[in-house]
Every structure is written in structure tokens, then in C-alpha cells.
PDB file of N, CA and C in Angstrom:
ATOM      1  N   MET A   1       0.971  -0.702   0.644  1.00  0.00           N
ATOM      2  CA  MET A   1      -0.327   0.095  -0.020  1.00  0.00           C
ATOM      3  C   MET A   1       0.950   1.110   0.115  1.00  0.00           C
ATOM      4  N   LYS A   2       0.787   2.470  -0.712  1.00  0.00           N
ATOM      5  CA  LYS A   2       1.390   3.351  -0.763  1.00  0.00           C
ATOM      6  C   LYS A   2      -0.189   4.645  -0.524  1.00  0.00           C
ATOM      7  N   ILE A   3       0.595   5.360   0.002  1.00  0.00           N
ATOM      8  CA  ILE A   3       0.287   6.958   0.075  1.00  0.00           C
ATOM      9  C   ILE A   3       1.794   7.783  -0.138  1.00  0.00           C
ATOM     10  N   HIS A   4       1.126   8.829  -0.477  1.00  0.00           N
ATOM     11  CA  HIS A   4       1.240  10.078  -1.233  1.00  0.00           C
ATOM     12  C   HIS A   4       0.890  10.523  -0.196  1.00  0.00           C
ATOM     13  N   ILE A   5       1.617  11.572   0.540  1.00  0.00           N
ATOM     14  CA  ILE A   5       0.502  13.026   1.316  1.00  0.00           C
ATOM     15  C   ILE A   5       0.842  14.184   0.513  1.00  0.00           C
ATOM     16  N   ASP A   6       0.535  15.238  -0.016  1.00  0.00           N
ATOM     17  CA  ASP A   6       0.891  16.376  -0.414  1.00  0.00           C
ATOM     18  C   ASP A   6       0.684  17.737   0.942  1.00  0.00           C
ATOM     19  N   GLU A   7       1.197  17.859   1.775  1.00  0.00           N
ATOM     20  CA  GLU A   7       0.042  18.994   1.932  1.00  0.00           C
ATOM     21  C   GLU A   7       1.074  20.661   1.931  1.00  0.00           C
ATOM     22  N   ASP A   8       1.224  20.694   0.734  1.00  0.00           N
ATOM     23  CA  ASP A   8       0.845  22.320  -0.188  1.00  0.00           C
ATOM     24  C   ASP A   8      -0.800  22.045  -0.228  1.00  0.00           C
ATOM     25  N   ASN A   9      -1.235  21.695  -1.170  1.00  0.00           N
ATOM     26  CA  ASN A   9      -2.220  20.854  -1.780  1.00  0.00           C
ATOM     27  C   ASN A   9      -2.745  20.535  -0.897  1.00  0.00           C
ATOM     28  N   MET A  10      -2.889  19.535  -0.148  1.00  0.00           N
ATOM     29  CA  MET A  10      -3.657  19.235   0.851  1.00  0.00           C
ATOM     30  C   MET A  10      -4.546  17.950   0.517  1.00  0.00           C
ATOM     31  N   THR A  11      -4.017  17.416  -0.623  1.00  0.00           N
ATOM     32  CA  THR A  11      -4.074  16.321  -0.894  1.00  0.00           C
ATOM     33  C   THR A  11      -3.882  14.859  -1.069  1.00  0.00           C
ATOM     34  N   LEU A  12      -4.738  12.930  -0.427  1.00  0.00           N
ATOM     35  CA  LEU A  12      -4.100  12.101   0.832  1.00  0.00           C
ATOM     36  C   LEU A  12      -4.150  11.330  -1.712  1.00  0.00           C
ATOM     37  N   THR A  13      -2.762  10.780  -1.563  1.00  0.00           N
ATOM     38  CA  THR A  13      -3.406   9.432  -2.812  1.00  0.00           C
ATOM     39  C   THR A  13      -3.526   8.200  -2.017  1.00  0.00           C
ATOM     40  N   VAL A  14      -4.431   7.418  -2.107  1.00  0.00           N
ATOM     41  CA  VAL A  14      -3.339   5.715  -1.957  1.00  0.00           C
ATOM     42  C   VAL A  14      -3.976   4.645  -2.308  1.00  0.00           C
ATOM     43  N   THR A  15      -2.833   4.292  -2.518  1.00  0.00           N
ATOM     44  CA  THR A  15      -3.232   2.801  -3.662  1.00  0.00           C
ATOM     45  C   THR A  15      -2.487   1.894  -2.921  1.00  0.00           C
ATOM     46  N   GLY A  16      -3.107   0.773  -3.691  1.00  0.00           N
ATOM     47  CA  GLY A  16      -3.311  -0.855  -3.300  1.00  0.00           C
ATOM     48  C   GLY A  16      -3.507  -1.337  -1.888  1.00  0.00           C
ATOM     49  N   HIS A  17      -2.870  -2.111  -1.663  1.00  0.00           N
ATOM     50  CA  HIS A  17      -4.142  -2.457  -0.316  1.00  0.00           C
ATOM     51  C   HIS A  17      -2.616  -3.352   0.701  1.00  0.00           C
ATOM     52  N   ALA A  18      -2.676  -3.407   2.129  1.00  0.00           N
ATOM     53  CA  ALA A  18      -1.339  -4.004   2.927  1.00  0.00           C
ATOM     54  C   ALA A  18      -1.436  -5.145   2.516  1.00  0.00           C
ATOM     55  N   GLU A  19      -2.437  -6.440   2.681  1.00  0.00           N
ATOM     56  CA  GLU A  19      -2.000  -7.048   2.533  1.00  0.00           C
ATOM     57  C   GLU A  19      -0.707  -7.541   3.520  1.00  0.00           C
ATOM     58  N   TYR A  20      -1.814  -7.537   5.244  1.00  0.00           N
ATOM     59  CA  TYR A  20      -1.353  -7.396   6.376  1.00  0.00           C
ATOM     60  C   TYR A  20      -1.469  -8.865   6.737  1.00  0.00           C
ATOM     61  N   ALA A  21      -2.866  -9.056   6.264  1.00  0.00           N
ATOM     62  CA  ALA A  21      -3.028 -10.606   6.422  1.00  0.00           C
ATOM     63  C   ALA A  21      -3.954 -10.831   5.404  1.00  0.00           C
ATOM     64  N   GLU A  22      -4.868 -12.066   5.589  1.00  0.00           N
ATOM     65  CA  GLU A  22      -5.799 -12.332   4.388  1.00  0.00           C
ATOM     66  C   GLU A  22      -6.946 -11.322   4.317  1.00  0.00           C
ATOM     67  N   TYR A  23      -7.737 -10.939   3.486  1.00  0.00           N
ATOM     68  CA  TYR A  23      -8.884  -9.568   3.279  1.00  0.00           C
ATOM     69  C   TYR A  23      -9.824 -10.219   4.511  1.00  0.00           C
ATOM     70  N   GLY A  24     -10.049  -8.955   4.761  1.00  0.00           N
ATOM     71  CA  GLY A  24     -11.115  -9.180   6.107  1.00  0.00           C
ATOM     72  C   GLY A  24     -10.567  -9.510   6.933  1.00  0.00           C
ATOM     73  N   LYS A  25      -9.588  -9.631   7.272  1.00  0.00           N
ATOM     74  CA  LYS A  25      -8.946  -9.930   8.831  1.00  0.00           C
ATOM     75  C   LYS A  25      -7.749  -8.656   8.867  1.00  0.00           C
ATOM     76  N   ASP A  26      -7.483  -7.812   7.521  1.00  0.00           N
ATOM     77  CA  ASP A  26      -6.181  -7.067   7.988  1.00  0.00           C
ATOM     78  C   ASP A  26      -6.421  -6.095   8.368  1.00  0.00           C
ATOM     79  N   ILE A  27      -5.690  -5.942   9.599  1.00  0.00           N
ATOM     80  CA  ILE A  27      -6.268  -4.961  10.405  1.00  0.00           C
ATOM     81  C   ILE A  27      -5.501  -3.568  10.128  1.00  0.00           C
ATOM     82  N   VAL A  28      -4.321  -4.017   9.471  1.00  0.00           N
ATOM     83  CA  VAL A  28      -3.349  -2.485   8.478  1.00  0.00           C
ATOM     84  C   VAL A  28      -4.126  -2.197   7.850  1.00  0.00           C
ATOM     85  N   CYS A  29      -4.817  -2.381   6.761  1.00  0.00           N
ATOM     86  CA  CYS A  29      -6.060  -2.487   5.926  1.00  0.00           C
ATOM     87  C   CYS A  29      -6.830  -1.122   6.150  1.00  0.00           C
ATOM     88  N   ALA A  30      -8.035  -2.509   7.467  1.00  0.00           N
ATOM     89  CA  ALA A  30      -8.717  -1.400   8.417  1.00  0.00           C
ATOM     90  C   ALA A  30      -8.183  -0.226   8.593  1.00  0.00           C
ATOM     91  N   GLY A  31      -7.195   0.003   9.652  1.00  0.00           N
ATOM     92  CA  GLY A  31      -6.186   1.472  10.160  1.00  0.00           C
ATOM     93  C   GLY A  31      -6.123   1.991   9.093  1.00  0.00           C
ATOM     94  N   VAL A  32      -5.967   2.044   7.880  1.00  0.00           N
ATOM     95  CA  VAL A  32      -5.838   2.744   7.196  1.00  0.00           C
ATOM     96  C   VAL A  32      -6.969   3.151   6.526  1.00  0.00           C
ATOM     97  N   SER A  33      -8.050   2.451   6.606  1.00  0.00           N
ATOM     98  CA  SER A  33      -9.282   3.338   5.347  1.00  0.00           C
ATOM     99  C   SER A  33     -10.269   3.631   6.559  1.00  0.00           C
ATOM    100  N   ALA A  34     -10.124   3.419   7.893  1.00  0.00           N
ATOM    101  CA  ALA A  34     -11.072   4.305   9.184  1.00  0.00           C
ATOM    102  C   ALA A  34     -10.410   5.784   8.872  1.00  0.00           C
ATOM    103  N   LEU A  35      -8.775   5.864   8.486  1.00  0.00           N
ATOM    104  CA  LEU A  35      -8.686   7.415   8.243  1.00  0.00           C
ATOM    105  C   LEU A  35      -8.648   7.843   7.159  1.00  0.00           C
ATOM    106  N   VAL A  36      -8.519   7.210   6.330  1.00  0.00           N
ATOM    107  CA  VAL A  36      -8.757   7.380   5.073  1.00  0.00           C
ATOM    108  C   VAL A  36     -10.002   8.115   5.034  1.00  0.00           C
ATOM    109  N   GLN A  37     -11.317   7.536   5.389  1.00  0.00           N
ATOM    110  CA  GLN A  37     -12.631   7.182   4.716  1.00  0.00           C
ATOM    111  C   GLN A  37     -13.493   8.255   5.858  1.00  0.00           C
ATOM    112  N   THR A  38     -12.441   9.053   6.691  1.00  0.00           N
ATOM    113  CA  THR A  38     -12.944   9.580   7.972  1.00  0.00           C
ATOM    114  C   THR A  38     -12.343  11.073   7.117  1.00  0.00           C
ATOM    115  N   LEU A  39     -11.501  10.874   6.828  1.00  0.00           N
ATOM    116  CA  LEU A  39     -10.930  12.277   5.593  1.00  0.00           C
ATOM    117  C   LEU A  39     -11.689  12.869   4.428  1.00  0.00           C
ATOM    118  N   ALA A  40     -12.786  11.652   4.412  1.00  0.00           N
ATOM    119  CA  ALA A  40     -13.321  11.828   3.182  1.00  0.00           C
ATOM    120  C   ALA A  40     -14.646  12.140   2.943  1.00  0.00           C
ATOM    121  N   LEU A  41     -15.243  11.837   3.870  1.00  0.00           N
ATOM    122  CA  LEU A  41     -16.249  11.650   5.139  1.00  0.00           C
ATOM    123  C   LEU A  41     -16.308  13.516   5.043  1.00  0.00           C
ATOM    124  N   TYR A  42     -15.283  13.929   5.590  1.00  0.00           N
ATOM    125  CA  TYR A  42     -15.498  15.472   6.778  1.00  0.00           C
ATOM    126  C   TYR A  42     -14.889  16.916   4.684  1.00  0.00           C
ATOM    127  N   ALA A  43     -13.935  16.097   3.981  1.00  0.00           N
ATOM    128  CA  ALA A  43     -13.328  16.429   2.559  1.00  0.00           C
ATOM    129  C   ALA A  43     -14.566  17.154   2.451  1.00  0.00           C
ATOM    130  N   THR A  44     -15.809  16.158   1.971  1.00  0.00           N
ATOM    131  CA  THR A  44     -16.470  16.270   0.995  1.00  0.00           C
ATOM    132  C   THR A  44     -17.502  16.879   1.662  1.00  0.00           C
ATOM    133  N   GLU A  45     -17.887  16.882   2.909  1.00  0.00           N
ATOM    134  CA  GLU A  45     -18.697  17.432   3.567  1.00  0.00           C
ATOM    135  C   GLU A  45     -18.633  19.237   4.065  1.00  0.00           C
ATOM    136  N   HIS A  46     -17.126  19.900   3.296  1.00  0.00           N
ATOM    137  CA  HIS A  46     -16.512  20.642   3.221  1.00  0.00           C
ATOM    138  C   HIS A  46     -16.446  21.047   1.843  1.00  0.00           C
ATOM    139  N   GLY A  47     -16.407  20.500   1.170  1.00  0.00           N
ATOM    140  CA  GLY A  47     -16.473  21.612   0.134  1.00  0.00           C
ATOM    141  C   GLY A  47     -15.780  20.903  -0.913  1.00  0.00           C
ATOM    142  N   GLY A  48     -14.775  20.219  -0.138  1.00  0.00           N
ATOM    143  CA  GLY A  48     -13.503  19.071  -1.154  1.00  0.00           C
ATOM    144  C   GLY A  48     -14.027  18.103  -1.978  1.00  0.00           C
ATOM    145  N   THR A  49     -13.562  16.910  -2.423  1.00  0.00           N
ATOM    146  CA  THR A  49     -13.617  16.229  -3.005  1.00  0.00           C
ATOM    147  C   THR A  49     -12.847  15.128  -2.816  1.00  0.00           C
ATOM    148  N   ALA A  50     -14.048  13.577  -3.034  1.00  0.00           N
ATOM    149  CA  ALA A  50     -12.830  12.487  -2.674  1.00  0.00           C
ATOM    150  C   ALA A  50     -13.361  10.884  -3.511  1.00  0.00           C
ATOM    151  N   GLU A  51     -12.481  10.327  -4.735  1.00  0.00           N
ATOM    152  CA  GLU A  51     -12.610   9.557  -4.988  1.00  0.00           C
ATOM    153  C   GLU A  51     -11.843   8.254  -4.508  1.00  0.00           C
ATOM    154  N   MET A  52     -12.978   7.497  -3.818  1.00  0.00           N
ATOM    155  CA  MET A  52     -12.619   6.077  -2.955  1.00  0.00           C
ATOM    156  C   MET A  52     -12.989   4.808  -4.214  1.00  0.00           C
ATOM    157  N   ARG A  53     -12.050   3.269  -4.246  1.00  0.00           N
ATOM    158  CA  ARG A  53     -12.020   2.223  -4.446  1.00  0.00           C
ATOM    159  C   ARG A  53     -11.640   1.554  -4.577  1.00  0.00           C
ATOM    160  N   SER A  54     -12.426   0.274  -4.235  1.00  0.00           N
ATOM    161  CA  SER A  54     -11.768  -1.072  -3.857  1.00  0.00           C
ATOM    162  C   SER A  54      -9.784  -0.106  -4.412  1.00  0.00           C
ATOM    163  N   GLY A  55      -8.974  -0.268  -3.369  1.00  0.00           N
ATOM    164  CA  GLY A  55      -7.313  -0.287  -2.917  1.00  0.00           C
ATOM    165  C   GLY A  55      -6.735   1.075  -3.994  1.00  0.00           C
ATOM    166  N   TYR A  56      -8.141   1.711  -3.970  1.00  0.00           N
ATOM    167  CA  TYR A  56      -7.522   3.734  -4.856  1.00  0.00           C
ATOM    168  C   TYR A  56      -8.213   4.369  -4.042  1.00  0.00           C
ATOM    169  N   ALA A  57      -7.889   5.531  -3.296  1.00  0.00           N
ATOM    170  CA  ALA A  57      -8.798   6.601  -2.358  1.00  0.00           C
ATOM    171  C   ALA A  57      -7.585   8.255  -3.453  1.00  0.00           C
ATOM    172  N   LYS A  58      -8.749   9.056  -3.529  1.00  0.00           N
ATOM    173  CA  LYS A  58      -8.038  10.424  -3.892  1.00  0.00           C
ATOM    174  C   LYS A  58      -8.896  11.202  -3.185  1.00  0.00           C
ATOM    175  N   ILE A  59      -8.458  12.374  -2.028  1.00  0.00           N
ATOM    176  CA  ILE A  59      -8.931  13.072  -1.504  1.00  0.00           C
ATOM    177  C   ILE A  59      -8.510  14.235  -1.611  1.00  0.00           C
ATOM    178  N   ASP A  60      -9.144  15.197  -1.835  1.00  0.00           N
ATOM    179  CA  ASP A  60      -8.813  16.630  -2.387  1.00  0.00           C
ATOM    180  C   ASP A  60      -9.862  17.419  -1.159  1.00  0.00           C
ATOM    181  N   ALA A  61      -8.159  17.794   0.229  1.00  0.00           N
ATOM    182  CA  ALA A  61      -9.126  18.442   1.250  1.00  0.00           C
ATOM    183  C   ALA A  61      -9.489  19.829   1.268  1.00  0.00           C
ATOM    184  N   SER A  62      -8.266  20.647   0.600  1.00  0.00           N
ATOM    185  CA  SER A  62      -8.254  22.272   0.288  1.00  0.00           C
ATOM    186  C   SER A  62      -8.939  22.744   0.551  1.00  0.00           C
ATOM    187  N   ASN A  63     -10.424  22.898   0.979  1.00  0.00           N
ATOM    188  CA  ASN A  63     -10.838  23.739   0.828  1.00  0.00           C
ATOM    189  C   ASN A  63     -11.545  23.681   2.634  1.00  0.00           C
ATOM    190  N   GLY A  64     -11.073  24.066   3.312  1.00  0.00           N
ATOM    191  CA  GLY A  64     -11.442  23.982   5.215  1.00  0.00           C
ATOM    192  C   GLY A  64     -10.891  22.945   5.832  1.00  0.00           C
ATOM    193  N   ALA A  65     -10.693  21.616   5.008  1.00  0.00           N
ATOM    194  CA  ALA A  65     -10.615  20.433   6.417  1.00  0.00           C
ATOM    195  C   ALA A  65      -9.535  20.719   7.040  1.00  0.00           C
ATOM    196  N   LYS A  66      -7.890  21.558   6.513  1.00  0.00           N
ATOM    197  CA  LYS A  66      -6.799  21.598   6.851  1.00  0.00           C
ATOM    198  C   LYS A  66      -6.240  20.517   8.191  1.00  0.00           C
ATOM    199  N   ASP A  67      -7.133  21.111   9.388  1.00  0.00           N
ATOM    200  CA  ASP A  67      -6.616  20.153  10.986  1.00  0.00           C
ATOM    201  C   ASP A  67      -6.936  19.443  10.667  1.00  0.00           C
ATOM    202  N   VAL A  68      -7.986  18.289  10.250  1.00  0.00           N
ATOM    203  CA  VAL A  68      -8.582  17.191   9.484  1.00  0.00           C
ATOM    204  C   VAL A  68      -7.627  15.839   9.193  1.00  0.00           C
ATOM    205  N   PHE A  69      -7.131  16.664   8.145  1.00  0.00           N
ATOM    206  CA  PHE A  69      -5.692  16.504   6.153  1.00  0.00           C
ATOM    207  C   PHE A  69      -4.876  16.501   7.142  1.00  0.00           C
ATOM    208  N   LEU A  70      -4.329  17.030   8.395  1.00  0.00           N
ATOM    209  CA  LEU A  70      -3.195  17.685   9.267  1.00  0.00           C
ATOM    210  C   LEU A  70      -3.053  16.366  10.172  1.00  0.00           C
ATOM    211  N   ALA A  71      -3.872  15.814  10.761  1.00  0.00           N
ATOM    212  CA  ALA A  71      -4.772  14.731  11.798  1.00  0.00           C
ATOM    213  C   ALA A  71      -4.698  13.121  11.509  1.00  0.00           C
ATOM    214  N   ILE A  72      -5.316  13.113  10.157  1.00  0.00           N
ATOM    215  CA  ILE A  72      -5.537  11.821   9.467  1.00  0.00           C
ATOM    216  C   ILE A  72      -3.590  11.591   9.221  1.00  0.00           C
ATOM    217  N   CYS A  73      -3.172  12.771   8.519  1.00  0.00           N
ATOM    218  CA  CYS A  73      -2.019  11.959   8.028  1.00  0.00           C
ATOM    219  C   CYS A  73      -0.705  11.940   8.613  1.00  0.00           C
ATOM    220  N   ALA A  74      -1.529  12.672  10.174  1.00  0.00           N
ATOM    221  CA  ALA A  74      -0.696  12.153  11.461  1.00  0.00           C
ATOM    222  C   ALA A  74      -0.677  10.560  12.147  1.00  0.00           C
ATOM    223  N   GLY A  75      -2.321   9.916  11.987  1.00  0.00           N
ATOM    224  CA  GLY A  75      -2.298   9.044  11.998  1.00  0.00           C
ATOM    225  C   GLY A  75      -1.217   8.186  11.301  1.00  0.00           C
ATOM    226  N   LEU A  76      -2.124   8.268   9.681  1.00  0.00           N
ATOM    227  CA  LEU A  76      -1.026   7.399   8.363  1.00  0.00           C
ATOM    228  C   LEU A  76       0.185   6.884   8.756  1.00  0.00           C
ATOM    229  N   ARG A  77       1.091   8.392   9.111  1.00  0.00           N
ATOM    230  CA  ARG A  77       2.510   7.780   8.842  1.00  0.00           C
ATOM    231  C   ARG A  77       2.536   6.995  10.752  1.00  0.00           C
ATOM    232  N   GLU A  78       1.946   7.377  11.824  1.00  0.00           N
ATOM    233  CA  GLU A  78       2.628   6.435  12.378  1.00  0.00           C
ATOM    234  C   GLU A  78       2.217   4.768  11.992  1.00  0.00           C
ATOM    235  N   LEU A  79       1.230   4.418  11.715  1.00  0.00           N
ATOM    236  CA  LEU A  79       0.499   3.173  10.651  1.00  0.00           C
ATOM    237  C   LEU A  79       1.968   2.907  10.273  1.00  0.00           C
ATOM    238  N   ALA A  80       2.475   3.802   9.208  1.00  0.00           N
ATOM    239  CA  ALA A  80       4.087   3.289   8.735  1.00  0.00           C
ATOM    240  C   ALA A  80       5.273   3.058   9.095  1.00  0.00           C
ATOM    241  N   LYS A  81       5.313   3.931  10.492  1.00  0.00           N
ATOM    242  CA  LYS A  81       5.443   3.359  11.371  1.00  0.00           C
ATOM    243  C   LYS A  81       5.915   1.687  11.832  1.00  0.00           C
ATOM    244  N   ALA A  82       4.946   1.822  11.924  1.00  0.00           N
ATOM    245  CA  ALA A  82       4.768   0.326  12.482  1.00  0.00           C
ATOM    246  C   ALA A  82       4.372  -0.719  11.626  1.00  0.00           C
ATOM    247  N   TYR A  83       3.739  -0.296  10.188  1.00  0.00           N
ATOM    248  CA  TYR A  83       3.624  -1.774   9.263  1.00  0.00           C
ATOM    249  C   TYR A  83       4.663  -1.139   8.893  1.00  0.00           C
ATOM    250  N   PRO A  84       5.834  -2.244   7.572  1.00  0.00           N
ATOM    251  CA  PRO A  84       6.351  -2.206   6.665  1.00  0.00           C
ATOM    252  C   PRO A  84       5.639  -2.205   5.064  1.00  0.00           C
ATOM    253  N   SER A  85       4.324  -2.370   5.883  1.00  0.00           N
ATOM    254  CA  SER A  85       3.597  -2.715   3.919  1.00  0.00           C
ATOM    255  C   SER A  85       2.763  -1.739   3.747  1.00  0.00           C
ATOM    256  N   VAL A  86       3.148  -0.383   4.621  1.00  0.00           N
ATOM    257  CA  VAL A  86       2.278   1.135   4.050  1.00  0.00           C
ATOM    258  C   VAL A  86       3.669   2.319   4.075  1.00  0.00           C
ATOM    259  N   TRP A  87       3.498   2.044   2.998  1.00  0.00           N
ATOM    260  CA  TRP A  87       4.495   3.136   2.575  1.00  0.00           C
ATOM    261  C   TRP A  87       4.021   4.462   2.198  1.00  0.00           C
ATOM    262  N   VAL A  88       4.749   5.750   2.689  1.00  0.00           N
ATOM    263  CA  VAL A  88       3.995   7.008   2.999  1.00  0.00           C
ATOM    264  C   VAL A  88       5.562   7.738   2.867  1.00  0.00           C
ATOM    265  N   THR A  89       4.250   8.463   1.016  1.00  0.00           N
ATOM    266  CA  THR A  89       5.325   9.564   0.067  1.00  0.00           C
ATOM    267  C   THR A  89       4.933  11.124   0.749  1.00  0.00           C
TER     268      THR A  89
END
């Protein structure tokens, strides 16, 4: 799973799967998904955009979601430290 964070433009792109465990039991994927879905919901409620499908998410949180964006990104970076199958750039 690769996560690209662009703090200047407040965009987040996630590609791939964590493959930490079998489908439906992957705690890494569940953690990333919970954070990303929370950001997508908040961003779209505040004028941003979110495109999401299996193995892919692209979120633009540039319209009023800066604090939430930064908090979610901090959580994703911490997950990446604990689980090497998650790469954050």
C-alpha cells in the first residue's frame, strides 16, 4: 500500500492493499481505511472531493479541512512506522 501526502495542496492518494493478512482480517488495511474514509467524509462535507474504490482513494481536502487533513496524515504516518507494508511519501 502506498500513500502519497501533498501537504501543500492538501491532497492524499492511496493505492494498493496492505496485504498484512487475508482479506477481511487485515488490521492494517482496516486502520488505513478508517482514517481515509473519515477524511473523505469530512472533506466532502466541507467542499472538498473524494474518489474512492477498492485499492484506491484520492482526496482533495483543500477547502476548509486543514486541521482534519493534518491529523489524519499524522495517523497514517504512525501506521506506516509500525507496519512496513504501508509506505508514505
